[in-house]
Amino acid sequence: MPKLKSNRSAKKRFKVTGSGKIVRYRAAISHYNRKKRGRRKRELSKPAVVTGNDRQRVIRLLGKIK
């Protein structure tokens, strides 16, 4: 059976931590920042953990079979 190719765009957007969690960056931080409060901008700049069914989807895109 041939090797599976990982999705290159997913590889750039997601990162697997040492404990096996998948981390992503949040959307909506790049523009329209003047009307956003400081607290919201700080929260958007922090990474988030991928959970639920999305996690299975990302694992498949990254080429890691579980």
PDB file of N, CA and C in Angstrom:
ATOM      1  N   MET A   1       0.842  -1.181   0.000  1.00  0.00           N
ATOM      2  CA  MET A   1       0.000   0.000   0.000  1.00  0.00           C
ATOM      3  C   MET A   1       0.890   1.248   0.000  1.00  0.00           C
ATOM      4  N   PRO A   2       0.583   2.271  -0.846  1.00  0.00           N
ATOM      5  CA  PRO A   2       1.450   3.447  -0.924  1.00  0.00           C
ATOM      6  C   PRO A   2       1.313   4.332   0.314  1.00  0.00           C
ATOM      7  N   LYS A   3       2.324   5.156   0.515  1.00  0.00           N
ATOM      8  CA  LYS A   3       2.273   6.108   1.621  1.00  0.00           C
ATOM      9  C   LYS A   3       1.207   7.158   1.346  1.00  0.00           C
ATOM     10  N   LEU A   4       0.599   7.686   2.408  1.00  0.00           N
ATOM     11  CA  LEU A   4      -0.402   8.741   2.259  1.00  0.00           C
ATOM     12  C   LEU A   4       0.277  10.097   2.263  1.00  0.00           C
ATOM     13  N   LYS A   5      -0.173  10.971   1.391  1.00  0.00           N
ATOM     14  CA  LYS A   5       0.367  12.327   1.387  1.00  0.00           C
ATOM     15  C   LYS A   5      -0.391  13.156   2.414  1.00  0.00           C
ATOM     16  N   SER A   6       0.340  13.989   3.142  1.00  0.00           N
ATOM     17  CA  SER A   6      -0.327  14.900   4.070  1.00  0.00           C
ATOM     18  C   SER A   6      -0.779  16.129   3.291  1.00  0.00           C
ATOM     19  N   ASN A   7      -1.849  16.739   3.741  1.00  0.00           N
ATOM     20  CA  ASN A   7      -2.371  17.950   3.117  1.00  0.00           C
ATOM     21  C   ASN A   7      -1.447  19.104   3.493  1.00  0.00           C
ATOM     22  N   ARG A   8      -0.850  19.750   2.507  1.00  0.00           N
ATOM     23  CA  ARG A   8       0.176  20.753   2.772  1.00  0.00           C
ATOM     24  C   ARG A   8      -0.401  21.993   3.471  1.00  0.00           C
ATOM     25  N   SER A   9      -1.609  22.393   3.117  1.00  0.00           N
ATOM     26  CA  SER A   9      -2.188  23.576   3.758  1.00  0.00           C
ATOM     27  C   SER A   9      -2.527  23.279   5.215  1.00  0.00           C
ATOM     28  N   ALA A  10      -2.976  22.060   5.499  1.00  0.00           N
ATOM     29  CA  ALA A  10      -3.281  21.687   6.882  1.00  0.00           C
ATOM     30  C   ALA A  10      -2.001  21.609   7.703  1.00  0.00           C
ATOM     31  N   LYS A  11      -0.925  21.162   7.089  1.00  0.00           N
ATOM     32  CA  LYS A  11       0.351  21.054   7.787  1.00  0.00           C
ATOM     33  C   LYS A  11       0.844  22.423   8.246  1.00  0.00           C
ATOM     34  N   LYS A  12       0.520  23.470   7.472  1.00  0.00           N
ATOM     35  CA  LYS A  12       0.937  24.826   7.824  1.00  0.00           C
ATOM     36  C   LYS A  12       0.033  25.442   8.893  1.00  0.00           C
ATOM     37  N   ARG A  13      -1.215  24.982   8.990  1.00  0.00           N
ATOM     38  CA  ARG A  13      -2.187  25.607   9.888  1.00  0.00           C
ATOM     39  C   ARG A  13      -2.296  24.936  11.254  1.00  0.00           C
ATOM     40  N   PHE A  14      -1.944  23.655  11.341  1.00  0.00           N
ATOM     41  CA  PHE A  14      -2.120  22.910  12.582  1.00  0.00           C
ATOM     42  C   PHE A  14      -0.790  22.363  13.070  1.00  0.00           C
ATOM     43  N   LYS A  15      -0.697  22.204  14.394  1.00  0.00           N
ATOM     44  CA  LYS A  15       0.524  21.684  14.984  1.00  0.00           C
ATOM     45  C   LYS A  15       0.134  20.671  16.053  1.00  0.00           C
ATOM     46  N   VAL A  16       0.845  19.561  16.104  1.00  0.00           N
ATOM     47  CA  VAL A  16       0.575  18.541  17.110  1.00  0.00           C
ATOM     48  C   VAL A  16       1.550  18.746  18.260  1.00  0.00           C
ATOM     49  N   THR A  17       1.023  18.854  19.480  1.00  0.00           N
ATOM     50  CA  THR A  17       1.869  19.067  20.650  1.00  0.00           C
ATOM     51  C   THR A  17       2.465  17.739  21.103  1.00  0.00           C
ATOM     52  N   GLY A  18       3.338  17.804  22.076  1.00  0.00           N
ATOM     53  CA  GLY A  18       3.975  16.606  22.596  1.00  0.00           C
ATOM     54  C   GLY A  18       2.997  15.644  23.230  1.00  0.00           C
ATOM     55  N   SER A  19       1.926  16.170  23.823  1.00  0.00           N
ATOM     56  CA  SER A  19       0.930  15.313  24.465  1.00  0.00           C
ATOM     57  C   SER A  19      -0.107  14.790  23.480  1.00  0.00           C
ATOM     58  N   GLY A  20      -0.014  15.190  22.199  1.00  0.00           N
ATOM     59  CA  GLY A  20      -0.924  14.677  21.187  1.00  0.00           C
ATOM     60  C   GLY A  20      -2.091  15.590  20.869  1.00  0.00           C
ATOM     61  N   LYS A  21      -2.175  16.756  21.509  1.00  0.00           N
ATOM     62  CA  LYS A  21      -3.248  17.698  21.194  1.00  0.00           C
ATOM     63  C   LYS A  21      -2.938  18.394  19.880  1.00  0.00           C
ATOM     64  N   ILE A  22      -3.987  18.810  19.174  1.00  0.00           N
ATOM     65  CA  ILE A  22      -3.814  19.543  17.923  1.00  0.00           C
ATOM     66  C   ILE A  22      -4.167  21.001  18.184  1.00  0.00           C
ATOM     67  N   VAL A  23      -3.241  21.885  17.832  1.00  0.00           N
ATOM     68  CA  VAL A  23      -3.394  23.307  18.113  1.00  0.00           C
ATOM     69  C   VAL A  23      -3.593  24.052  16.802  1.00  0.00           C
ATOM     70  N   ARG A  24      -4.477  25.057  16.834  1.00  0.00           N
ATOM     71  CA  ARG A  24      -4.729  25.904  15.668  1.00  0.00           C
ATOM     72  C   ARG A  24      -4.708  27.356  16.105  1.00  0.00           C
ATOM     73  N   TYR A  25      -4.565  28.260  15.150  1.00  0.00           N
ATOM     74  CA  TYR A  25      -4.672  29.679  15.449  1.00  0.00           C
ATOM     75  C   TYR A  25      -6.067  30.151  15.089  1.00  0.00           C
ATOM     76  N   ARG A  26      -6.529  31.185  15.764  1.00  0.00           N
ATOM     77  CA  ARG A  26      -7.901  31.657  15.597  1.00  0.00           C
ATOM     78  C   ARG A  26      -8.028  32.603  14.413  1.00  0.00           C
ATOM     79  N   ALA A  27      -9.223  32.641  13.864  1.00  0.00           N
ATOM     80  CA  ALA A  27      -9.507  33.544  12.743  1.00  0.00           C
ATOM     81  C   ALA A  27      -9.916  34.920  13.286  1.00  0.00           C
ATOM     82  N   ALA A  28     -10.067  35.882  12.401  1.00  0.00           N
ATOM     83  CA  ALA A  28     -10.616  37.213  12.678  1.00  0.00           C
ATOM     84  C   ALA A  28      -9.684  38.110  13.469  1.00  0.00           C
ATOM     85  N   ILE A  29      -8.376  37.896  13.402  1.00  0.00           N
ATOM     86  CA  ILE A  29      -7.456  38.780  14.115  1.00  0.00           C
ATOM     87  C   ILE A  29      -6.738  39.705  13.143  1.00  0.00           C
ATOM     88  N   SER A  30      -6.830  39.434  11.844  1.00  0.00           N
ATOM     89  CA  SER A  30      -5.986  40.158  10.899  1.00  0.00           C
ATOM     90  C   SER A  30      -6.546  41.511  10.429  1.00  0.00           C
ATOM     91  N   HIS A  31      -7.843  41.739  10.531  1.00  0.00           N
ATOM     92  CA  HIS A  31      -8.370  43.029  10.091  1.00  0.00           C
ATOM     93  C   HIS A  31      -9.613  43.403  10.900  1.00  0.00           C
ATOM     94  N   TYR A  32     -10.061  44.642  10.726  1.00  0.00           N
ATOM     95  CA  TYR A  32     -11.155  45.239  11.511  1.00  0.00           C
ATOM     96  C   TYR A  32     -10.823  45.220  13.000  1.00  0.00           C
ATOM     97  N   ASN A  33      -9.603  45.582  13.323  1.00  0.00           N
ATOM     98  CA  ASN A  33      -9.176  45.500  14.712  1.00  0.00           C
ATOM     99  C   ASN A  33      -9.526  46.743  15.528  1.00  0.00           C
ATOM    100  N   ARG A  34      -9.833  47.838  14.866  1.00  0.00           N
ATOM    101  CA  ARG A  34     -10.086  49.065  15.610  1.00  0.00           C
ATOM    102  C   ARG A  34     -11.325  48.939  16.505  1.00  0.00           C
ATOM    103  N   LYS A  35     -12.337  48.241  16.014  1.00  0.00           N
ATOM    104  CA  LYS A  35     -13.572  48.138  16.801  1.00  0.00           C
ATOM    105  C   LYS A  35     -13.568  46.980  17.785  1.00  0.00           C
ATOM    106  N   LYS A  36     -12.516  46.171  17.789  1.00  0.00           N
ATOM    107  CA  LYS A  36     -12.430  45.062  18.740  1.00  0.00           C
ATOM    108  C   LYS A  36     -11.762  45.539  20.017  1.00  0.00           C
ATOM    109  N   ARG A  37     -12.258  45.051  21.149  1.00  0.00           N
ATOM    110  CA  ARG A  37     -11.688  45.401  22.440  1.00  0.00           C
ATOM    111  C   ARG A  37     -10.353  44.681  22.635  1.00  0.00           C
ATOM    112  N   GLY A  38      -9.529  45.223  23.512  1.00  0.00           N
ATOM    113  CA  GLY A  38      -8.204  44.658  23.759  1.00  0.00           C
ATOM    114  C   GLY A  38      -8.252  43.230  24.244  1.00  0.00           C
ATOM    115  N   ARG A  39      -9.207  42.939  25.127  1.00  0.00           N
ATOM    116  CA  ARG A  39      -9.316  41.586  25.663  1.00  0.00           C
ATOM    117  C   ARG A  39      -9.609  40.581  24.546  1.00  0.00           C
ATOM    118  N   ARG A  40     -10.495  40.962  23.633  1.00  0.00           N
ATOM    119  CA  ARG A  40     -10.844  40.062  22.536  1.00  0.00           C
ATOM    120  C   ARG A  40      -9.652  39.838  21.611  1.00  0.00           C
ATOM    121  N   LYS A  41      -8.888  40.903  21.342  1.00  0.00           N
ATOM    122  CA  LYS A  41      -7.726  40.764  20.479  1.00  0.00           C
ATOM    123  C   LYS A  41      -6.667  39.873  21.118  1.00  0.00           C
ATOM    124  N   ARG A  42      -6.502  39.980  22.424  1.00  0.00           N
ATOM    125  CA  ARG A  42      -5.542  39.114  23.122  1.00  0.00           C
ATOM    126  C   ARG A  42      -5.987  37.668  23.052  1.00  0.00           C
ATOM    127  N   GLU A  43      -7.280  37.413  23.241  1.00  0.00           N
ATOM    128  CA  GLU A  43      -7.790  36.044  23.172  1.00  0.00           C
ATOM    129  C   GLU A  43      -7.647  35.470  21.762  1.00  0.00           C
ATOM    130  N   LEU A  44      -7.883  36.293  20.749  1.00  0.00           N
ATOM    131  CA  LEU A  44      -7.778  35.813  19.371  1.00  0.00           C
ATOM    132  C   LEU A  44      -6.337  35.503  18.981  1.00  0.00           C
ATOM    133  N   SER A  45      -5.377  36.145  19.650  1.00  0.00           N
ATOM    134  CA  SER A  45      -3.977  35.919  19.290  1.00  0.00           C
ATOM    135  C   SER A  45      -3.433  34.632  19.893  1.00  0.00           C
ATOM    136  N   LYS A  46      -4.145  34.051  20.866  1.00  0.00           N
ATOM    137  CA  LYS A  46      -3.681  32.816  21.500  1.00  0.00           C
ATOM    138  C   LYS A  46      -4.152  31.601  20.703  1.00  0.00           C
ATOM    139  N   PRO A  47      -3.358  30.533  20.689  1.00  0.00           N
ATOM    140  CA  PRO A  47      -3.787  29.334  19.975  1.00  0.00           C
ATOM    141  C   PRO A  47      -4.934  28.631  20.688  1.00  0.00           C
ATOM    142  N   ALA A  48      -5.704  27.841  19.929  1.00  0.00           N
ATOM    143  CA  ALA A  48      -6.821  27.082  20.469  1.00  0.00           C
ATOM    144  C   ALA A  48      -6.612  25.602  20.174  1.00  0.00           C
ATOM    145  N   VAL A  49      -7.222  24.747  20.978  1.00  0.00           N
ATOM    146  CA  VAL A  49      -7.109  23.300  20.801  1.00  0.00           C
ATOM    147  C   VAL A  49      -8.274  22.814  19.946  1.00  0.00           C
ATOM    148  N   VAL A  50      -7.980  21.961  18.970  1.00  0.00           N
ATOM    149  CA  VAL A  50      -9.008  21.373  18.104  1.00  0.00           C
ATOM    150  C   VAL A  50      -9.647  20.205  18.843  1.00  0.00           C
ATOM    151  N   THR A  51     -10.982  20.175  18.893  1.00  0.00           N
ATOM    152  CA  THR A  51     -11.686  19.125  19.629  1.00  0.00           C
ATOM    153  C   THR A  51     -12.780  18.507  18.770  1.00  0.00           C
ATOM    154  N   GLY A  52     -13.343  17.435  19.263  1.00  0.00           N
ATOM    155  CA  GLY A  52     -14.512  16.820  18.647  1.00  0.00           C
ATOM    156  C   GLY A  52     -14.224  16.173  17.312  1.00  0.00           C
ATOM    157  N   ASN A  53     -15.215  16.217  16.421  1.00  0.00           N
ATOM    158  CA  ASN A  53     -15.090  15.599  15.110  1.00  0.00           C
ATOM    159  C   ASN A  53     -14.067  16.306  14.234  1.00  0.00           C
ATOM    160  N   ASP A  54     -13.837  17.602  14.499  1.00  0.00           N
ATOM    161  CA  ASP A  54     -12.825  18.327  13.734  1.00  0.00           C
ATOM    162  C   ASP A  54     -11.450  17.729  13.962  1.00  0.00           C
ATOM    163  N   ARG A  55     -11.218  17.222  15.149  1.00  0.00           N
ATOM    164  CA  ARG A  55      -9.919  16.623  15.473  1.00  0.00           C
ATOM    165  C   ARG A  55      -9.646  15.422  14.582  1.00  0.00           C
ATOM    166  N   GLN A  56     -10.643  14.575  14.387  1.00  0.00           N
ATOM    167  CA  GLN A  56     -10.484  13.411  13.521  1.00  0.00           C
ATOM    168  C   GLN A  56     -10.210  13.835  12.076  1.00  0.00           C
ATOM    169  N   ARG A  57     -10.882  14.891  11.638  1.00  0.00           N
ATOM    170  CA  ARG A  57     -10.702  15.403  10.280  1.00  0.00           C
ATOM    171  C   ARG A  57      -9.277  15.917  10.076  1.00  0.00           C
ATOM    172  N   VAL A  58      -8.772  16.646  11.067  1.00  0.00           N
ATOM    173  CA  VAL A  58      -7.428  17.210  10.967  1.00  0.00           C
ATOM    174  C   VAL A  58      -6.378  16.106  11.007  1.00  0.00           C
ATOM    175  N   ILE A  59      -6.584  15.102  11.837  1.00  0.00           N
ATOM    176  CA  ILE A  59      -5.646  13.970  11.905  1.00  0.00           C
ATOM    177  C   ILE A  59      -5.532  13.308  10.541  1.00  0.00           C
ATOM    178  N   ARG A  60      -6.663  13.136   9.857  1.00  0.00           N
ATOM    179  CA  ARG A  60      -6.646  12.523   8.539  1.00  0.00           C
ATOM    180  C   ARG A  60      -5.919  13.415   7.533  1.00  0.00           C
ATOM    181  N   LEU A  61      -6.130  14.745   7.627  1.00  0.00           N
ATOM    182  CA  LEU A  61      -5.453  15.664   6.704  1.00  0.00           C
ATOM    183  C   LEU A  61      -3.946  15.672   6.920  1.00  0.00           C
ATOM    184  N   LEU A  62      -3.537  15.525   8.169  1.00  0.00           N
ATOM    185  CA  LEU A  62      -2.107  15.545   8.476  1.00  0.00           C
ATOM    186  C   LEU A  62      -1.423  14.234   8.116  1.00  0.00           C
ATOM    187  N   GLY A  63      -2.197  13.225   7.749  1.00  0.00           N
ATOM    188  CA  GLY A  63      -1.624  11.960   7.337  1.00  0.00           C
ATOM    189  C   GLY A  63      -1.307  11.034   8.477  1.00  0.00           C
ATOM    190  N   LYS A  64      -1.821  11.320   9.658  1.00  0.00           N
ATOM    191  CA  LYS A  64      -1.628  10.460  10.816  1.00  0.00           C
ATOM    192  C   LYS A  64      -2.859   9.597  10.975  1.00  0.00           C
ATOM    193  N   ILE A  65      -2.732   8.311  10.794  1.00  0.00           N
ATOM    194  CA  ILE A  65      -3.870   7.396  10.836  1.00  0.00           C
ATOM    195  C   ILE A  65      -4.080   6.910  12.252  1.00  0.00           C
ATOM    196  N   LYS A  66      -5.317   6.993  12.734  1.00  0.00           N
ATOM    197  CA  LYS A  66      -5.677   6.484  14.064  1.00  0.00           C
ATOM    198  C   LYS A  66      -6.901   5.645  13.944  1.00  0.00           C
TER     199      LYS A  66
END
